[in-house]
Amino acid sequence: MNTGRGQMLWMLYGETPPSEMAASFAAERAVAEQGDPNRAYDNFPLRGVAPHSQSGDIPQRTTKVTALQNGVVPVTTEDNKALIVRSITTKCLLGSVPDYRTLDSNQVTVPDEIRGDIGILWTTEWVVGNPRVADDPQEGQPDRPRGVGTPTMWKQYAQARLKDWESGVAVSSGLPQIIDVDANPPLAGFDSIAKRIMSGLPVIPAPNQHKIGVQVQQVG
């Protein structure tokens, strides 16, 4: 598929129908990501999915790595439970070159959730308080009157909301969803033809801990 919004599970000789396995994980994600769009699913148990019946079918490390490098979510078995190894998208190539910029599913869900959140706030708060729009006043000119929204005002508004996502205030889990907001502030300008503010909100999803590097050295 090779798409940032696609996901494909794989379980070698799994005894649960693929459609049921996909539905099980989709349901889990639909619930969990309402409160934590940045959720990671390492070793996540799939309810209703039968574990491998044959130990020889359980994927080994090299097989898991190969699957993850090729946009496939491997399903393994531990303690007689079917487990998601790591939740990733199918995006793995740019032409014929490996491309892992949207490897983990949270790298897509977090920007999508923020887009929806900002859209709702624009409709229910921003437009209500600023029914008129104009470019920023030139240097030396007076500020726009009350009720007129400008690019600078919008950047300040959007920045404050992104800080809520960075601190975790924006979600019920209370966990940070993005990082480095101050280093990646919103961009905004005025389109004099369309008579509207044009803006961009760069976001960096907060990385989840999937592994650690440890070097143990005997120095005595």
C-alpha atoms as a PDB file:
ATOM      1  CA  MET A   1       0.000   0.000   0.000  1.00  0.00           C
ATOM      2  CA  ASN A   2       2.849   2.396   0.914  1.00  0.00           C
ATOM      3  CA  THR A   3       0.589   5.053   2.418  1.00  0.00           C
ATOM      4  CA  GLY A   4       0.802   6.992   5.671  1.00  0.00           C
ATOM      5  CA  ARG A   5      -2.866   6.360   6.450  1.00  0.00           C
ATOM      6  CA  GLY A   6      -2.836   2.641   5.779  1.00  0.00           C
ATOM      7  CA  GLN A   7      -2.039  -0.190   8.164  1.00  0.00           C
ATOM      8  CA  MET A   8      -1.687  -3.898   7.495  1.00  0.00           C
ATOM      9  CA  LEU A   9      -1.388  -6.608  10.141  1.00  0.00           C
ATOM     10  CA  TRP A  10       0.368  -9.898   9.420  1.00  0.00           C
ATOM     11  CA  MET A  11       0.232 -13.108  11.433  1.00  0.00           C
ATOM     12  CA  LEU A  12       1.876 -16.193   9.954  1.00  0.00           C
ATOM     13  CA  TYR A  13      -0.650 -19.048   9.884  1.00  0.00           C
ATOM     14  CA  GLY A  14      -2.985 -17.132  12.155  1.00  0.00           C
ATOM     15  CA  GLU A  15      -6.161 -19.011  12.956  1.00  0.00           C
ATOM     16  CA  THR A  16      -8.368 -15.928  13.355  1.00  0.00           C
ATOM     17  CA  PRO A  17      -9.728 -14.593  10.030  1.00  0.00           C
ATOM     18  CA  PRO A  18      -7.737 -11.536   8.864  1.00  0.00           C
ATOM     19  CA  SER A  19     -10.869  -9.365   8.772  1.00  0.00           C
ATOM     20  CA  GLU A  20     -11.616 -10.138  12.428  1.00  0.00           C
ATOM     21  CA  MET A  21      -8.020  -9.497  13.433  1.00  0.00           C
ATOM     22  CA  ALA A  22      -8.049  -6.125  11.647  1.00  0.00           C
ATOM     23  CA  ALA A  23     -11.418  -5.224  13.176  1.00  0.00           C
ATOM     24  CA  SER A  24     -10.166  -6.077  16.659  1.00  0.00           C
ATOM     25  CA  PHE A  25      -7.204  -3.722  16.418  1.00  0.00           C
ATOM     26  CA  ALA A  26      -9.230  -1.010  14.675  1.00  0.00           C
ATOM     27  CA  ALA A  27     -11.738  -1.065  17.533  1.00  0.00           C
ATOM     28  CA  GLU A  28      -8.973  -0.872  20.136  1.00  0.00           C
ATOM     29  CA  ARG A  29      -7.388   2.080  18.363  1.00  0.00           C
ATOM     30  CA  ALA A  30     -10.691   3.897  17.943  1.00  0.00           C
ATOM     31  CA  VAL A  31     -11.220   3.844  21.706  1.00  0.00           C
ATOM     32  CA  ALA A  32      -7.653   4.397  22.941  1.00  0.00           C
ATOM     33  CA  GLU A  33      -6.803   7.286  20.625  1.00  0.00           C
ATOM     34  CA  GLN A  34      -9.766   9.381  21.709  1.00  0.00           C
ATOM     35  CA  GLY A  35      -7.857  10.180  24.881  1.00  0.00           C
ATOM     36  CA  ASP A  36      -4.307   9.671  23.619  1.00  0.00           C
ATOM     37  CA  PRO A  37      -3.791  10.104  19.839  1.00  0.00           C
ATOM     38  CA  ASN A  38      -0.069   9.537  20.397  1.00  0.00           C
ATOM     39  CA  ARG A  39      -0.663   6.056  21.795  1.00  0.00           C
ATOM     40  CA  ALA A  40       1.954   3.360  21.180  1.00  0.00           C
ATOM     41  CA  TYR A  41       0.935  -0.298  20.942  1.00  0.00           C
ATOM     42  CA  ASP A  42       4.152  -2.209  21.538  1.00  0.00           C
ATOM     43  CA  ASN A  43       3.279  -5.750  22.694  1.00  0.00           C
ATOM     44  CA  PHE A  44      -0.409  -4.824  22.729  1.00  0.00           C
ATOM     45  CA  PRO A  45      -2.730  -7.860  23.209  1.00  0.00           C
ATOM     46  CA  LEU A  46      -5.366  -8.377  20.530  1.00  0.00           C
ATOM     47  CA  ARG A  47      -8.650  -9.359  22.113  1.00  0.00           C
ATOM     48  CA  GLY A  48     -10.515 -12.108  20.307  1.00  0.00           C
ATOM     49  CA  VAL A  49      -7.479 -13.123  18.248  1.00  0.00           C
ATOM     50  CA  ALA A  50      -6.162 -16.647  18.726  1.00  0.00           C
ATOM     51  CA  PRO A  51      -2.430 -16.987  19.462  1.00  0.00           C
ATOM     52  CA  HIS A  52      -0.156 -19.110  17.280  1.00  0.00           C
ATOM     53  CA  SER A  53      -0.926 -22.768  17.818  1.00  0.00           C
ATOM     54  CA  GLN A  54       2.522 -23.854  16.574  1.00  0.00           C
ATOM     55  CA  SER A  55       5.633 -22.406  18.209  1.00  0.00           C
ATOM     56  CA  GLY A  56       7.508 -22.669  14.911  1.00  0.00           C
ATOM     57  CA  ASP A  57       5.150 -20.115  13.367  1.00  0.00           C
ATOM     58  CA  ILE A  58       5.972 -17.395  15.907  1.00  0.00           C
ATOM     59  CA  PRO A  59       8.138 -14.777  14.116  1.00  0.00           C
ATOM     60  CA  GLN A  60      11.701 -14.367  15.312  1.00  0.00           C
ATOM     61  CA  ARG A  61      13.465 -11.026  15.702  1.00  0.00           C
ATOM     62  CA  THR A  62      14.848 -10.889  12.166  1.00  0.00           C
ATOM     63  CA  THR A  63      11.422 -11.620  10.704  1.00  0.00           C
ATOM     64  CA  LYS A  64       9.819  -8.894  12.835  1.00  0.00           C
ATOM     65  CA  VAL A  65      12.459  -6.379  11.768  1.00  0.00           C
ATOM     66  CA  THR A  66      11.996  -7.245   8.101  1.00  0.00           C
ATOM     67  CA  ALA A  67       8.229  -6.835   8.393  1.00  0.00           C
ATOM     68  CA  LEU A  68       8.536  -3.464  10.145  1.00  0.00           C
ATOM     69  CA  GLN A  69      10.992  -2.242   7.518  1.00  0.00           C
ATOM     70  CA  ASN A  70       8.474  -3.098   4.803  1.00  0.00           C
ATOM     71  CA  GLY A  71       5.349  -1.460   6.191  1.00  0.00           C
ATOM     72  CA  VAL A  72       3.835  -4.538   7.817  1.00  0.00           C
ATOM     73  CA  VAL A  73       2.643  -4.852  11.436  1.00  0.00           C
ATOM     74  CA  PRO A  74       3.775  -8.292  12.666  1.00  0.00           C
ATOM     75  CA  VAL A  75       1.624 -10.122  15.196  1.00  0.00           C
ATOM     76  CA  THR A  76       3.487 -12.443  17.546  1.00  0.00           C
ATOM     77  CA  THR A  77       2.591 -14.742  20.435  1.00  0.00           C
ATOM     78  CA  GLU A  78       3.752 -14.517  24.047  1.00  0.00           C
ATOM     79  CA  ASP A  79       2.206 -16.104  27.135  1.00  0.00           C
ATOM     80  CA  ASN A  80      -0.435 -17.636  24.891  1.00  0.00           C
ATOM     81  CA  LYS A  81      -1.607 -14.203  23.713  1.00  0.00           C
ATOM     82  CA  ALA A  82      -1.563 -12.640  20.254  1.00  0.00           C
ATOM     83  CA  LEU A  83       0.392  -9.370  20.483  1.00  0.00           C
ATOM     84  CA  ILE A  84       0.998  -6.407  18.193  1.00  0.00           C
ATOM     85  CA  VAL A  85       4.765  -5.982  17.894  1.00  0.00           C
ATOM     86  CA  ARG A  86       4.613  -2.279  16.956  1.00  0.00           C
ATOM     87  CA  SER A  87       1.892  -0.155  15.365  1.00  0.00           C
ATOM     88  CA  ILE A  88       3.199   1.268  12.083  1.00  0.00           C
ATOM     89  CA  THR A  89       1.808   2.546   8.798  1.00  0.00           C
ATOM     90  CA  THR A  90       2.430   0.936   5.421  1.00  0.00           C
ATOM     91  CA  LYS A  91       4.504   3.941   4.313  1.00  0.00           C
ATOM     92  CA  CYS A  92       8.034   2.634   3.843  1.00  0.00           C
ATOM     93  CA  LEU A  93       9.219   3.789   0.416  1.00  0.00           C
ATOM     94  CA  LEU A  94       9.777   6.976  -1.550  1.00  0.00           C
ATOM     95  CA  GLY A  95      10.076   5.521  -5.009  1.00  0.00           C
ATOM     96  CA  SER A  96      12.588   2.743  -4.402  1.00  0.00           C
ATOM     97  CA  VAL A  97      14.294   4.432  -1.440  1.00  0.00           C
ATOM     98  CA  PRO A  98      13.326   3.570   2.174  1.00  0.00           C
ATOM     99  CA  ASP A  99      11.210   6.343   3.723  1.00  0.00           C
ATOM    100  CA  TYR A 100      10.288   6.023   7.398  1.00  0.00           C
ATOM    101  CA  ARG A 101       9.136   9.576   8.148  1.00  0.00           C
ATOM    102  CA  THR A 102       5.694   8.221   9.041  1.00  0.00           C
ATOM    103  CA  LEU A 103       6.822   4.852  10.368  1.00  0.00           C
ATOM    104  CA  ASP A 104       4.750   4.799  13.563  1.00  0.00           C
ATOM    105  CA  SER A 105       0.991   5.287  13.369  1.00  0.00           C
ATOM    106  CA  ASN A 106       1.122   8.104  15.937  1.00  0.00           C
ATOM    107  CA  GLN A 107       3.082  10.209  13.450  1.00  0.00           C
ATOM    108  CA  VAL A 108      -0.125  10.410  11.428  1.00  0.00           C
ATOM    109  CA  THR A 109      -2.835  10.349  14.079  1.00  0.00           C
ATOM    110  CA  VAL A 110      -1.398  13.231  16.100  1.00  0.00           C
ATOM    111  CA  PRO A 111      -1.325  15.782  13.209  1.00  0.00           C
ATOM    112  CA  ASP A 112      -4.777  14.588  12.111  1.00  0.00           C
ATOM    113  CA  GLU A 113      -6.207  15.120  15.596  1.00  0.00           C
ATOM    114  CA  ILE A 114      -4.647  18.557  15.897  1.00  0.00           C
ATOM    115  CA  ARG A 115      -6.065  19.538  12.503  1.00  0.00           C
ATOM    116  CA  GLY A 116      -9.536  18.507  13.662  1.00  0.00           C
ATOM    117  CA  ASP A 117      -9.113  20.277  16.980  1.00  0.00           C
ATOM    118  CA  ILE A 118      -7.953  23.527  15.388  1.00  0.00           C
ATOM    119  CA  GLY A 119     -10.818  23.343  12.889  1.00  0.00           C
ATOM    120  CA  ILE A 120     -13.385  23.066  15.668  1.00  0.00           C
ATOM    121  CA  LEU A 121     -11.832  25.912  17.651  1.00  0.00           C
ATOM    122  CA  TRP A 122     -11.681  28.122  14.558  1.00  0.00           C
ATOM    123  CA  THR A 123     -15.405  27.592  14.019  1.00  0.00           C
ATOM    124  CA  THR A 124     -16.588  27.812  17.615  1.00  0.00           C
ATOM    125  CA  GLU A 125     -14.188  30.408  19.080  1.00  0.00           C
ATOM    126  CA  TRP A 126     -12.029  32.252  16.574  1.00  0.00           C
ATOM    127  CA  VAL A 127     -14.723  33.253  14.076  1.00  0.00           C
ATOM    128  CA  VAL A 128     -17.167  34.049  16.869  1.00  0.00           C
ATOM    129  CA  GLY A 129     -14.710  36.497  18.409  1.00  0.00           C
ATOM    130  CA  ASN A 130     -13.320  37.723  15.076  1.00  0.00           C
ATOM    131  CA  PRO A 131     -16.081  37.857  12.450  1.00  0.00           C
ATOM    132  CA  ARG A 132     -13.978  40.205  10.295  1.00  0.00           C
ATOM    133  CA  VAL A 133     -10.504  39.581   8.883  1.00  0.00           C
ATOM    134  CA  ALA A 134      -7.661  41.767   7.628  1.00  0.00           C
ATOM    135  CA  ASP A 135      -3.917  41.790   7.157  1.00  0.00           C
ATOM    136  CA  ASP A 136      -1.661  42.981   9.974  1.00  0.00           C
ATOM    137  CA  PRO A 137      -1.475  46.775  10.095  1.00  0.00           C
ATOM    138  CA  GLN A 138       1.630  48.374   8.646  1.00  0.00           C
ATOM    139  CA  GLU A 139       4.266  49.744  10.996  1.00  0.00           C
ATOM    140  CA  GLY A 140       3.064  53.002  12.482  1.00  0.00           C
ATOM    141  CA  GLN A 141      -0.594  52.269  11.782  1.00  0.00           C
ATOM    142  CA  PRO A 142      -3.086  51.702  14.618  1.00  0.00           C
ATOM    143  CA  ASP A 143      -4.143  48.200  15.621  1.00  0.00           C
ATOM    144  CA  ARG A 144      -7.156  46.705  13.926  1.00  0.00           C
ATOM    145  CA  PRO A 145     -10.416  47.353  15.781  1.00  0.00           C
ATOM    146  CA  ARG A 146     -12.038  44.755  17.994  1.00  0.00           C
ATOM    147  CA  GLY A 147     -13.630  41.908  16.066  1.00  0.00           C
ATOM    148  CA  VAL A 148     -11.042  41.907  13.249  1.00  0.00           C
ATOM    149  CA  GLY A 149      -8.739  38.917  13.142  1.00  0.00           C
ATOM    150  CA  THR A 150      -5.216  39.237  11.717  1.00  0.00           C
ATOM    151  CA  PRO A 151      -2.433  36.752  10.887  1.00  0.00           C
ATOM    152  CA  THR A 152      -0.443  37.723  13.986  1.00  0.00           C
ATOM    153  CA  MET A 153      -3.478  37.285  16.210  1.00  0.00           C
ATOM    154  CA  TRP A 154      -4.140  33.880  14.655  1.00  0.00           C
ATOM    155  CA  LYS A 155      -0.536  32.784  15.178  1.00  0.00           C
ATOM    156  CA  GLN A 156      -0.759  33.698  18.842  1.00  0.00           C
ATOM    157  CA  TYR A 157      -4.057  31.853  19.204  1.00  0.00           C
ATOM    158  CA  ALA A 158      -2.788  28.734  17.432  1.00  0.00           C
ATOM    159  CA  GLN A 159       0.481  28.805  19.388  1.00  0.00           C
ATOM    160  CA  ALA A 160      -1.410  28.802  22.681  1.00  0.00           C
ATOM    161  CA  ARG A 161      -3.442  25.790  21.601  1.00  0.00           C
ATOM    162  CA  LEU A 162      -0.372  23.900  20.420  1.00  0.00           C
ATOM    163  CA  LYS A 163       1.162  24.496  23.846  1.00  0.00           C
ATOM    164  CA  ASP A 164      -1.878  22.705  25.300  1.00  0.00           C
ATOM    165  CA  TRP A 165      -1.051  19.716  23.089  1.00  0.00           C
ATOM    166  CA  GLU A 166       2.568  19.902  24.167  1.00  0.00           C
ATOM    167  CA  SER A 167       1.711  19.894  27.867  1.00  0.00           C
ATOM    168  CA  GLY A 168      -1.020  17.264  27.565  1.00  0.00           C
ATOM    169  CA  VAL A 169      -3.837  19.595  28.615  1.00  0.00           C
ATOM    170  CA  ALA A 170      -5.603  19.065  25.279  1.00  0.00           C
ATOM    171  CA  VAL A 171      -6.208  15.329  25.846  1.00  0.00           C
ATOM    172  CA  SER A 172      -7.811  13.291  28.606  1.00  0.00           C
ATOM    173  CA  SER A 173      -4.713  11.132  29.093  1.00  0.00           C
ATOM    174  CA  GLY A 174      -2.797  14.225  30.207  1.00  0.00           C
ATOM    175  CA  LEU A 175       0.261  13.066  28.271  1.00  0.00           C
ATOM    176  CA  PRO A 176       2.276  15.296  25.908  1.00  0.00           C
ATOM    177  CA  GLN A 177       1.319  14.795  22.267  1.00  0.00           C
ATOM    178  CA  ILE A 178       3.888  17.020  20.554  1.00  0.00           C
ATOM    179  CA  ILE A 179       7.264  18.554  21.383  1.00  0.00           C
ATOM    180  CA  ASP A 180       9.313  21.679  20.632  1.00  0.00           C
ATOM    181  CA  VAL A 181       6.376  23.992  19.919  1.00  0.00           C
ATOM    182  CA  ASP A 182       8.381  27.157  20.634  1.00  0.00           C
ATOM    183  CA  ALA A 183      11.048  26.071  18.147  1.00  0.00           C
ATOM    184  CA  ASN A 184       8.388  25.369  15.486  1.00  0.00           C
ATOM    185  CA  PRO A 185       5.874  28.225  15.784  1.00  0.00           C
ATOM    186  CA  PRO A 186       2.803  28.593  13.552  1.00  0.00           C
ATOM    187  CA  LEU A 187       3.177  30.469  10.289  1.00  0.00           C
ATOM    188  CA  ALA A 188       0.549  32.849   8.941  1.00  0.00           C
ATOM    189  CA  GLY A 189       0.034  35.474   6.269  1.00  0.00           C
ATOM    190  CA  PHE A 190      -2.831  37.227   4.518  1.00  0.00           C
ATOM    191  CA  ASP A 191      -4.086  36.239   1.061  1.00  0.00           C
ATOM    192  CA  SER A 192      -5.186  39.549  -0.439  1.00  0.00           C
ATOM    193  CA  ILE A 193      -6.955  37.812  -3.335  1.00  0.00           C
ATOM    194  CA  ALA A 194      -8.991  35.282  -1.335  1.00  0.00           C
ATOM    195  CA  LYS A 195      -9.280  37.725   1.588  1.00  0.00           C
ATOM    196  CA  ARG A 196      -8.351  35.142   4.202  1.00  0.00           C
ATOM    197  CA  ILE A 197      -5.575  34.145   6.545  1.00  0.00           C
ATOM    198  CA  MET A 198      -3.319  31.387   5.232  1.00  0.00           C
ATOM    199  CA  SER A 199      -1.407  29.473   7.888  1.00  0.00           C
ATOM    200  CA  GLY A 200       0.719  26.449   8.600  1.00  0.00           C
ATOM    201  CA  LEU A 201       1.114  24.572  11.867  1.00  0.00           C
ATOM    202  CA  PRO A 202       4.314  22.489  11.987  1.00  0.00           C
ATOM    203  CA  VAL A 203       4.067  19.805  14.665  1.00  0.00           C
ATOM    204  CA  ILE A 204       6.444  17.113  15.900  1.00  0.00           C
ATOM    205  CA  PRO A 205       4.634  14.166  17.510  1.00  0.00           C
ATOM    206  CA  ALA A 206       6.168  13.289  20.870  1.00  0.00           C
ATOM    207  CA  PRO A 207       8.333  10.191  20.272  1.00  0.00           C
ATOM    208  CA  ASN A 208       7.283   7.033  22.080  1.00  0.00           C
ATOM    209  CA  GLN A 209       9.826   4.789  23.797  1.00  0.00           C
ATOM    210  CA  HIS A 210      10.192   1.640  21.710  1.00  0.00           C
ATOM    211  CA  LYS A 211      13.722   0.656  22.697  1.00  0.00           C
ATOM    212  CA  ILE A 212      16.819   1.763  24.560  1.00  0.00           C
ATOM    213  CA  GLY A 213      20.495   1.558  23.809  1.00  0.00           C
ATOM    214  CA  VAL A 214      22.642   0.299  26.682  1.00  0.00           C
ATOM    215  CA  GLN A 215      26.359  -0.452  26.738  1.00  0.00           C
ATOM    216  CA  VAL A 216      27.616  -2.323  29.761  1.00  0.00           C
ATOM    217  CA  GLN A 217      31.366  -1.936  30.306  1.00  0.00           C
ATOM    218  CA  GLN A 218      33.523  -3.816  32.751  1.00  0.00           C
ATOM    219  CA  VAL A 219      36.052  -1.245  33.903  1.00  0.00           C
ATOM    220  CA  GLY A 220      37.512  -2.852  37.038  1.00  0.00           C
END
